[in-house]
PDB file of N, CA and C in Angstrom:
ATOM      1  N   UNK A   1     -29.467  31.448  18.982  1.00  0.00           N
ATOM      2  CA  UNK A   1     -28.365  32.282  18.478  1.00  0.00           C
ATOM      3  C   UNK A   1     -27.014  31.678  18.859  1.00  0.00           C
ATOM      4  N   UNK A   2     -26.797  31.485  20.144  1.00  0.00           N
ATOM      5  CA  UNK A   2     -25.514  30.940  20.589  1.00  0.00           C
ATOM      6  C   UNK A   2     -25.359  29.495  20.118  1.00  0.00           C
ATOM      7  N   UNK A   3     -26.495  28.792  19.942  1.00  0.00           N
ATOM      8  CA  UNK A   3     -26.418  27.399  19.503  1.00  0.00           C
ATOM      9  C   UNK A   3     -25.888  27.321  18.068  1.00  0.00           C
ATOM     10  N   UNK A   4     -26.430  28.138  17.176  1.00  0.00           N
ATOM     11  CA  UNK A   4     -25.952  28.120  15.786  1.00  0.00           C
ATOM     12  C   UNK A   4     -24.486  28.542  15.739  1.00  0.00           C
ATOM     13  N   UNK A   5     -24.102  29.477  16.582  1.00  0.00           N
ATOM     14  CA  UNK A   5     -22.718  29.942  16.616  1.00  0.00           C
ATOM     15  C   UNK A   5     -21.799  28.783  16.990  1.00  0.00           C
ATOM     16  N   UNK A   6     -22.183  28.012  17.994  1.00  0.00           N
ATOM     17  CA  UNK A   6     -21.334  26.901  18.431  1.00  0.00           C
ATOM     18  C   UNK A   6     -21.251  25.830  17.333  1.00  0.00           C
ATOM     19  N   UNK A   7     -22.346  25.627  16.608  1.00  0.00           N
ATOM     20  CA  UNK A   7     -22.326  24.638  15.521  1.00  0.00           C
ATOM     21  C   UNK A   7     -21.361  25.101  14.437  1.00  0.00           C
ATOM     22  N   UNK A   8     -21.424  26.377  14.065  1.00  0.00           N
ATOM     23  CA  UNK A   8     -20.512  26.909  13.056  1.00  0.00           C
ATOM     24  C   UNK A   8     -19.072  26.770  13.539  1.00  0.00           C
ATOM     25  N   UNK A   9     -18.848  27.087  14.815  1.00  0.00           N
ATOM     26  CA  UNK A   9     -17.516  26.974  15.406  1.00  0.00           C
ATOM     27  C   UNK A   9     -17.015  25.537  15.306  1.00  0.00           C
ATOM     28  N   UNK A  10     -17.881  24.595  15.667  1.00  0.00           N
ATOM     29  CA  UNK A  10     -17.506  23.182  15.648  1.00  0.00           C
ATOM     30  C   UNK A  10     -17.114  22.755  14.239  1.00  0.00           C
ATOM     31  N   UNK A  11     -17.901  23.178  13.241  1.00  0.00           N
ATOM     32  CA  UNK A  11     -17.598  22.815  11.855  1.00  0.00           C
ATOM     33  C   UNK A  11     -16.255  23.393  11.430  1.00  0.00           C
ATOM     34  N   UNK A  12     -16.017  24.640  11.827  1.00  0.00           N
ATOM     35  CA  UNK A  12     -14.751  25.268  11.453  1.00  0.00           C
ATOM     36  C   UNK A  12     -13.591  24.536  12.122  1.00  0.00           C
ATOM     37  N   UNK A  13     -13.764  24.168  13.378  1.00  0.00           N
ATOM     38  CA  UNK A  13     -12.694  23.475  14.108  1.00  0.00           C
ATOM     39  C   UNK A  13     -12.401  22.119  13.460  1.00  0.00           C
ATOM     40  N   UNK A  14     -13.449  21.376  13.111  1.00  0.00           N
ATOM     41  CA  UNK A  14     -13.219  20.063  12.501  1.00  0.00           C
ATOM     42  C   UNK A  14     -12.547  20.220  11.143  1.00  0.00           C
ATOM     43  N   UNK A  15     -12.911  21.272  10.386  1.00  0.00           N
ATOM     44  CA  UNK A  15     -12.251  21.520   9.097  1.00  0.00           C
ATOM     45  C   UNK A  15     -10.779  21.798   9.321  1.00  0.00           C
ATOM     46  N   UNK A  16     -10.479  22.647  10.311  1.00  0.00           N
ATOM     47  CA  UNK A  16      -9.078  22.978  10.606  1.00  0.00           C
ATOM     48  C   UNK A  16      -8.310  21.738  11.015  1.00  0.00           C
ATOM     49  N   UNK A  17      -8.944  20.870  11.810  1.00  0.00           N
ATOM     50  CA  UNK A  17      -8.272  19.651  12.252  1.00  0.00           C
ATOM     51  C   UNK A  17      -7.953  18.765  11.050  1.00  0.00           C
ATOM     52  N   UNK A  18      -8.904  18.648  10.126  1.00  0.00           N
ATOM     53  CA  UNK A  18      -8.663  17.828   8.934  1.00  0.00           C
ATOM     54  C   UNK A  18      -7.497  18.397   8.144  1.00  0.00           C
ATOM     55  N   UNK A  19      -7.456  19.728   8.006  1.00  0.00           N
ATOM     56  CA  UNK A  19      -6.346  20.362   7.279  1.00  0.00           C
ATOM     57  C   UNK A  19      -5.028  20.044   7.972  1.00  0.00           C
ATOM     58  N   UNK A  20      -5.027  20.143   9.313  1.00  0.00           N
ATOM     59  CA  UNK A  20      -3.794  19.883  10.064  1.00  0.00           C
ATOM     60  C   UNK A  20      -3.347  18.447   9.863  1.00  0.00           C
ATOM     61  N   UNK A  21      -4.290  17.499   9.955  1.00  0.00           N
ATOM     62  CA  UNK A  21      -3.944  16.091   9.755  1.00  0.00           C
ATOM     63  C   UNK A  21      -3.350  15.886   8.376  1.00  0.00           C
ATOM     64  N   UNK A  22      -3.994  16.497   7.362  1.00  0.00           N
ATOM     65  CA  UNK A  22      -3.518  16.355   5.989  1.00  0.00           C
ATOM     66  C   UNK A  22      -2.109  16.908   5.850  1.00  0.00           C
ATOM     67  N   UNK A  23      -1.892  18.101   6.419  1.00  0.00           N
ATOM     68  CA  UNK A  23      -0.563  18.715   6.342  1.00  0.00           C
ATOM     69  C   UNK A  23       0.475  17.832   7.011  1.00  0.00           C
ATOM     70  N   UNK A  24       0.100  17.250   8.165  1.00  0.00           N
ATOM     71  CA  UNK A  24       1.049  16.402   8.897  1.00  0.00           C
ATOM     72  C   UNK A  24       1.405  15.177   8.054  1.00  0.00           C
ATOM     73  N   UNK A  25       0.392  14.568   7.416  1.00  0.00           N
ATOM     74  CA  UNK A  25       0.646  13.386   6.587  1.00  0.00           C
ATOM     75  C   UNK A  25       1.555  13.760   5.427  1.00  0.00           C
ATOM     76  N   UNK A  26       1.262  14.897   4.776  1.00  0.00           N
ATOM     77  CA  UNK A  26       2.083  15.344   3.652  1.00  0.00           C
ATOM     78  C   UNK A  26       3.517  15.569   4.116  1.00  0.00           C
ATOM     79  N   UNK A  27       3.675  16.190   5.289  1.00  0.00           N
ATOM     80  CA  UNK A  27       5.011  16.456   5.814  1.00  0.00           C
ATOM     81  C   UNK A  27       5.748  15.144   6.068  1.00  0.00           C
ATOM     82  N   UNK A  28       5.057  14.164   6.650  1.00  0.00           N
ATOM     83  CA  UNK A  28       5.696  12.875   6.923  1.00  0.00           C
ATOM     84  C   UNK A  28       6.134  12.212   5.625  1.00  0.00           C
ATOM     85  N   UNK A  29       5.250  12.226   4.633  1.00  0.00           N
ATOM     86  CA  UNK A  29       5.565  11.586   3.353  1.00  0.00           C
ATOM     87  C   UNK A  29       6.763  12.268   2.709  1.00  0.00           C
ATOM     88  N   UNK A  30       6.772  13.589   2.691  1.00  0.00           N
ATOM     89  CA  UNK A  30       7.878  14.302   2.058  1.00  0.00           C
ATOM     90  C   UNK A  30       9.180  14.030   2.809  1.00  0.00           C
ATOM     91  N   UNK A  31       9.100  13.905   4.127  1.00  0.00           N
ATOM     92  CA  UNK A  31      10.312  13.596   4.908  1.00  0.00           C
ATOM     93  C   UNK A  31      10.848  12.219   4.535  1.00  0.00           C
ATOM     94  N   UNK A  32       9.982  11.229   4.477  1.00  0.00           N
ATOM     95  CA  UNK A  32      10.427   9.878   4.150  1.00  0.00           C
ATOM     96  C   UNK A  32      10.947   9.831   2.725  1.00  0.00           C
ATOM     97  N   UNK A  33      10.282  10.581   1.818  1.00  0.00           N
ATOM     98  CA  UNK A  33      10.751  10.622   0.429  1.00  0.00           C
ATOM     99  C   UNK A  33      12.159  11.208   0.368  1.00  0.00           C
ATOM    100  N   UNK A  34      12.369  12.290   1.124  1.00  0.00           N
ATOM    101  CA  UNK A  34      13.684  12.916   1.142  1.00  0.00           C
ATOM    102  C   UNK A  34      14.726  11.926   1.660  1.00  0.00           C
ATOM    103  N   UNK A  35      14.348  11.200   2.712  1.00  0.00           N
ATOM    104  CA  UNK A  35      15.262  10.226   3.308  1.00  0.00           C
ATOM    105  C   UNK A  35      15.591   9.123   2.296  1.00  0.00           C
ATOM    106  N   UNK A  36      14.572   8.661   1.583  1.00  0.00           N
ATOM    107  CA  UNK A  36      14.775   7.607   0.580  1.00  0.00           C
ATOM    108  C   UNK A  36      15.687   8.124  -0.528  1.00  0.00           C
ATOM    109  N   UNK A  37      15.451   9.347  -0.967  1.00  0.00           N
ATOM    110  CA  UNK A  37      16.311   9.941  -2.012  1.00  0.00           C
ATOM    111  C   UNK A  37      17.748  10.017  -1.509  1.00  0.00           C
ATOM    112  N   UNK A  38      17.894  10.439  -0.268  1.00  0.00           N
ATOM    113  CA  UNK A  38      19.228  10.569   0.316  1.00  0.00           C
ATOM    114  C   UNK A  38      19.934   9.220   0.331  1.00  0.00           C
ATOM    115  N   UNK A  39      19.211   8.176   0.722  1.00  0.00           N
ATOM    116  CA  UNK A  39      19.803   6.837   0.756  1.00  0.00           C
ATOM    117  C   UNK A  39      20.150   6.374  -0.646  1.00  0.00           C
ATOM    118  N   UNK A  40      19.272   6.676  -1.608  1.00  0.00           N
ATOM    119  CA  UNK A  40      19.495   6.240  -2.981  1.00  0.00           C
ATOM    120  C   UNK A  40      20.734   6.933  -3.562  1.00  0.00           C
ATOM    121  N   UNK A  41      20.867   8.215  -3.240  1.00  0.00           N
ATOM    122  CA  UNK A  41      22.013   8.972  -3.775  1.00  0.00           C
ATOM    123  C   UNK A  41      23.309   8.409  -3.194  1.00  0.00           C
ATOM    124  N   UNK A  42      23.309   8.075  -1.917  1.00  0.00           N
ATOM    125  CA  UNK A  42      24.497   7.471  -1.319  1.00  0.00           C
ATOM    126  C   UNK A  42      24.644   6.093  -1.899  1.00  0.00           C
TER     127      UNK A  42
END
């Protein structure tokens, strides 16, 4: 019982981590894009 629970927990945690990594990458890309646009406009 507790073993299956921990496995489910682990899967959920790894999914959340992947989402966080993806969000961080998207945020970095959008920041650099904004910076590039800013430089281009100047």
